Protein backbone atom coordinates (compact mmCIF):
# COMPACT_ATOMS: atom_id res chain seq x y z
CA MET A 1 41.05 20.06 36.64
CA THR A 2 39.18 21.71 34.50
CA THR A 3 39.99 21.24 30.57
CA ALA A 4 38.38 22.66 26.69
CA TYR A 5 35.66 20.65 27.69
CA ASP A 6 34.04 21.69 31.15
CA PHE A 7 32.62 24.79 28.73
CA THR A 8 29.45 25.43 27.21
CA ALA A 9 29.23 27.85 24.63
CA THR A 10 25.95 28.61 22.55
CA ASP A 11 26.23 28.11 18.47
CA ILE A 12 25.41 30.53 15.67
CA ASP A 13 22.54 29.08 15.40
CA GLY A 14 21.51 30.32 19.15
CA GLN A 15 21.39 26.39 20.16
CA PRO A 16 23.22 25.68 24.15
CA ARG A 17 26.69 23.56 22.90
CA ASP A 18 28.95 21.75 25.35
CA LEU A 19 32.41 21.37 24.10
CA SER A 20 32.29 18.13 25.91
CA GLU A 21 30.72 16.69 22.75
CA TYR A 22 34.31 16.81 21.55
CA ALA A 23 36.08 14.88 24.52
CA GLY A 24 39.47 13.14 23.09
CA LYS A 25 39.55 15.92 19.50
CA ALA A 26 42.63 18.20 19.70
CA LEU A 27 40.38 21.82 19.69
CA LEU A 28 41.43 24.89 17.54
CA ILE A 29 39.75 27.60 19.65
CA VAL A 30 39.81 30.73 17.05
CA ASN A 31 38.28 34.39 17.49
CA VAL A 32 37.09 35.30 14.20
CA ALA A 33 35.78 38.37 11.65
CA SER A 34 33.94 39.27 8.55
CA LYS A 35 35.76 42.67 7.88
CA CYS A 36 38.92 42.50 9.32
CA GLY A 37 42.48 41.76 7.12
CA PHE A 38 42.71 38.13 8.43
CA THR A 39 39.62 36.96 7.01
CA PRO A 40 41.11 35.61 4.13
CA GLN A 41 42.15 33.58 6.81
CA TYR A 42 38.50 31.54 7.03
CA THR A 43 40.21 29.65 3.76
CA GLY A 44 43.24 28.31 5.99
CA LEU A 45 40.69 27.38 8.90
CA GLU A 46 38.39 25.41 6.82
CA LYS A 47 40.92 23.43 5.06
CA LEU A 48 42.51 23.15 7.93
CA TRP A 49 39.43 21.66 8.45
CA ALA A 50 39.48 18.90 5.95
CA ASP A 51 42.01 18.34 6.22
CA TYR A 52 41.92 16.63 9.48
CA ARG A 53 38.57 16.55 10.82
CA GLU A 54 38.13 12.42 10.47
CA ARG A 55 41.77 12.24 12.70
CA GLY A 56 39.71 14.48 15.02
CA LEU A 57 40.21 17.89 14.85
CA VAL A 58 37.57 20.50 15.52
CA VAL A 59 37.88 23.89 14.31
CA LEU A 60 35.81 26.01 16.44
CA GLY A 61 34.91 29.47 15.47
CA PHE A 62 34.18 32.45 18.12
CA PRO A 63 33.51 35.59 16.44
CA CYS A 64 34.53 39.13 18.35
CA ASP A 65 33.39 42.63 17.90
CA GLN A 66 35.94 43.51 20.16
CA PHE A 67 38.66 44.66 17.71
CA GLY A 68 37.47 47.98 15.68
CA HIS A 69 34.46 46.39 15.16
CA GLN A 70 35.21 44.53 12.49
CA GLU A 71 32.14 41.79 13.06
CA PRO A 72 29.42 44.26 13.26
CA GLY A 73 26.47 41.99 12.05
CA ASP A 74 24.26 39.76 13.57
CA GLU A 75 24.70 35.65 13.99
CA ALA A 76 22.55 34.72 10.44
CA GLU A 77 24.45 37.54 9.04
CA ILE A 78 27.87 36.97 10.25
CA LYS A 79 26.54 32.83 9.35
CA ASN A 80 25.91 34.06 6.06
CA PHE A 81 29.57 35.74 5.17
CA CYS A 82 30.81 32.62 6.44
CA SER A 83 29.01 30.34 4.25
CA LEU A 84 28.78 31.99 1.32
CA THR A 85 32.42 33.66 1.03
CA TYR A 86 34.31 31.11 2.50
CA ASP A 87 32.39 28.13 2.30
CA VAL A 88 32.73 27.59 5.97
CA ASP A 89 31.95 24.36 7.61
CA PHE A 90 33.24 24.14 10.96
CA PRO A 91 31.15 24.63 14.34
CA LEU A 92 30.73 28.87 14.75
CA PHE A 93 29.49 29.88 17.94
CA SER A 94 27.39 33.23 18.61
CA LYS A 95 29.51 36.77 18.98
CA ILE A 96 31.14 37.09 22.39
CA ASP A 97 33.52 38.79 24.50
CA VAL A 98 37.11 37.72 24.56
CA ASN A 99 38.24 40.47 26.76
CA GLY A 100 37.09 42.96 29.62
CA ALA A 101 34.14 42.29 31.95
CA ASN A 102 31.81 39.90 30.08
CA THR A 103 34.69 37.41 28.65
CA HIS A 104 33.34 34.26 28.29
CA PRO A 105 34.12 31.85 30.21
CA LEU A 106 36.19 29.20 27.84
CA TYR A 107 38.03 32.77 26.69
CA LYS A 108 39.02 33.61 30.83
CA TRP A 109 40.02 30.34 30.63
CA LEU A 110 42.07 29.95 27.50
CA LYS A 111 43.88 32.94 28.86
CA GLU A 112 45.01 32.20 31.62
CA GLU A 113 46.10 28.89 30.54
CA LYS A 114 48.35 30.68 27.82
CA GLY A 115 49.07 34.48 28.36
CA GLY A 116 50.20 36.14 24.96
CA LEU A 117 53.32 37.88 24.65
CA LEU A 118 51.43 41.49 26.26
CA GLY A 119 50.13 39.36 28.70
CA SER A 120 46.96 37.92 28.92
CA ALA A 121 44.95 40.14 26.88
CA ILE A 122 43.45 39.24 23.82
CA LYS A 123 45.51 41.52 20.82
CA TRP A 124 43.32 41.55 17.58
CA ASN A 125 41.24 39.18 15.50
CA PHE A 126 42.40 35.16 14.64
CA THR A 127 44.36 35.04 17.99
CA LYS A 128 44.02 30.78 17.62
CA PHE A 129 44.61 28.76 20.58
CA LEU A 130 45.96 24.48 19.82
CA VAL A 131 44.24 22.52 22.18
CA GLY A 132 45.02 18.85 22.94
CA ARG A 133 43.27 15.40 22.90
CA ASP A 134 43.00 15.64 26.53
CA GLY A 135 41.60 19.06 27.01
CA LYS A 136 44.68 21.33 28.12
CA VAL A 137 45.96 23.82 25.99
CA ARG A 138 49.30 23.58 23.91
CA LYS A 139 49.63 26.06 21.97
CA ARG A 140 48.89 29.71 21.55
CA TYR A 141 49.47 31.39 18.56
CA ALA A 142 49.65 35.34 16.75
CA PRO A 143 46.56 36.47 14.87
CA THR A 144 50.10 36.13 12.15
CA ASP A 145 50.49 33.25 12.76
CA THR A 146 48.69 31.92 9.46
CA PRO A 147 46.26 28.40 9.56
CA GLU A 148 48.63 26.65 6.97
CA SER A 149 51.76 27.35 9.53
CA LEU A 150 50.11 25.01 13.02
CA SER A 151 50.32 21.70 10.55
CA LYS A 152 53.01 20.35 12.42
CA ASP A 153 52.28 21.61 15.65
CA ILE A 154 48.22 20.25 15.06
CA GLU A 155 50.09 16.67 13.48
CA ALA A 156 51.77 16.36 17.96
CA ALA A 157 48.03 16.73 19.29
CA LEU A 158 46.65 14.20 17.52
CA ALA A 159 49.51 11.52 17.54
C-alpha cells in the first residue's frame, strides 16, 4: 500500500529528498505561492512548524505557478522571498505542477486519496493535506482554511 513516505521530491536547493526521511511523522503538505492573496498563510504555517515540530509535525511547502502565475520566480527567488519576508524555516521544495499532465507523483497520489469538493483537482494555492504518522492522508483543506484552524486535527494526528 502506498503512503506519503514512498515518494521522492526535489528540495528548493535542487537535492532529491526521499520523503521516507519523515516516516513516523505527521505531515502538512501545502502548495504555496509568493504572490497570492493567501501568501500571508506562510506566517501561520511557520507557527505550526515551530509549535509542533518537536512533537512530530513536518510542514512541507511545494511552490506551484499554475494559479494566476502567482509563483513566477525561480527556486532561489522563492527561497529568498520565504526566508526574508516570512522567516520560513520549514522544508521547501522545487516548483512543481499539482494539476495536469505533469502533476508531481506525490500530488497525483494526494488527490486520489482525498478529492476536493469539485473533484480531485487542486483549485488554488495553499490547498493543504494532513498526513498521519502512518503516511496516510487524513484530511484535505481548502485554501481558505487557515493554518491556525488546523490545530485540533494536527493534535489528533500527533496523538
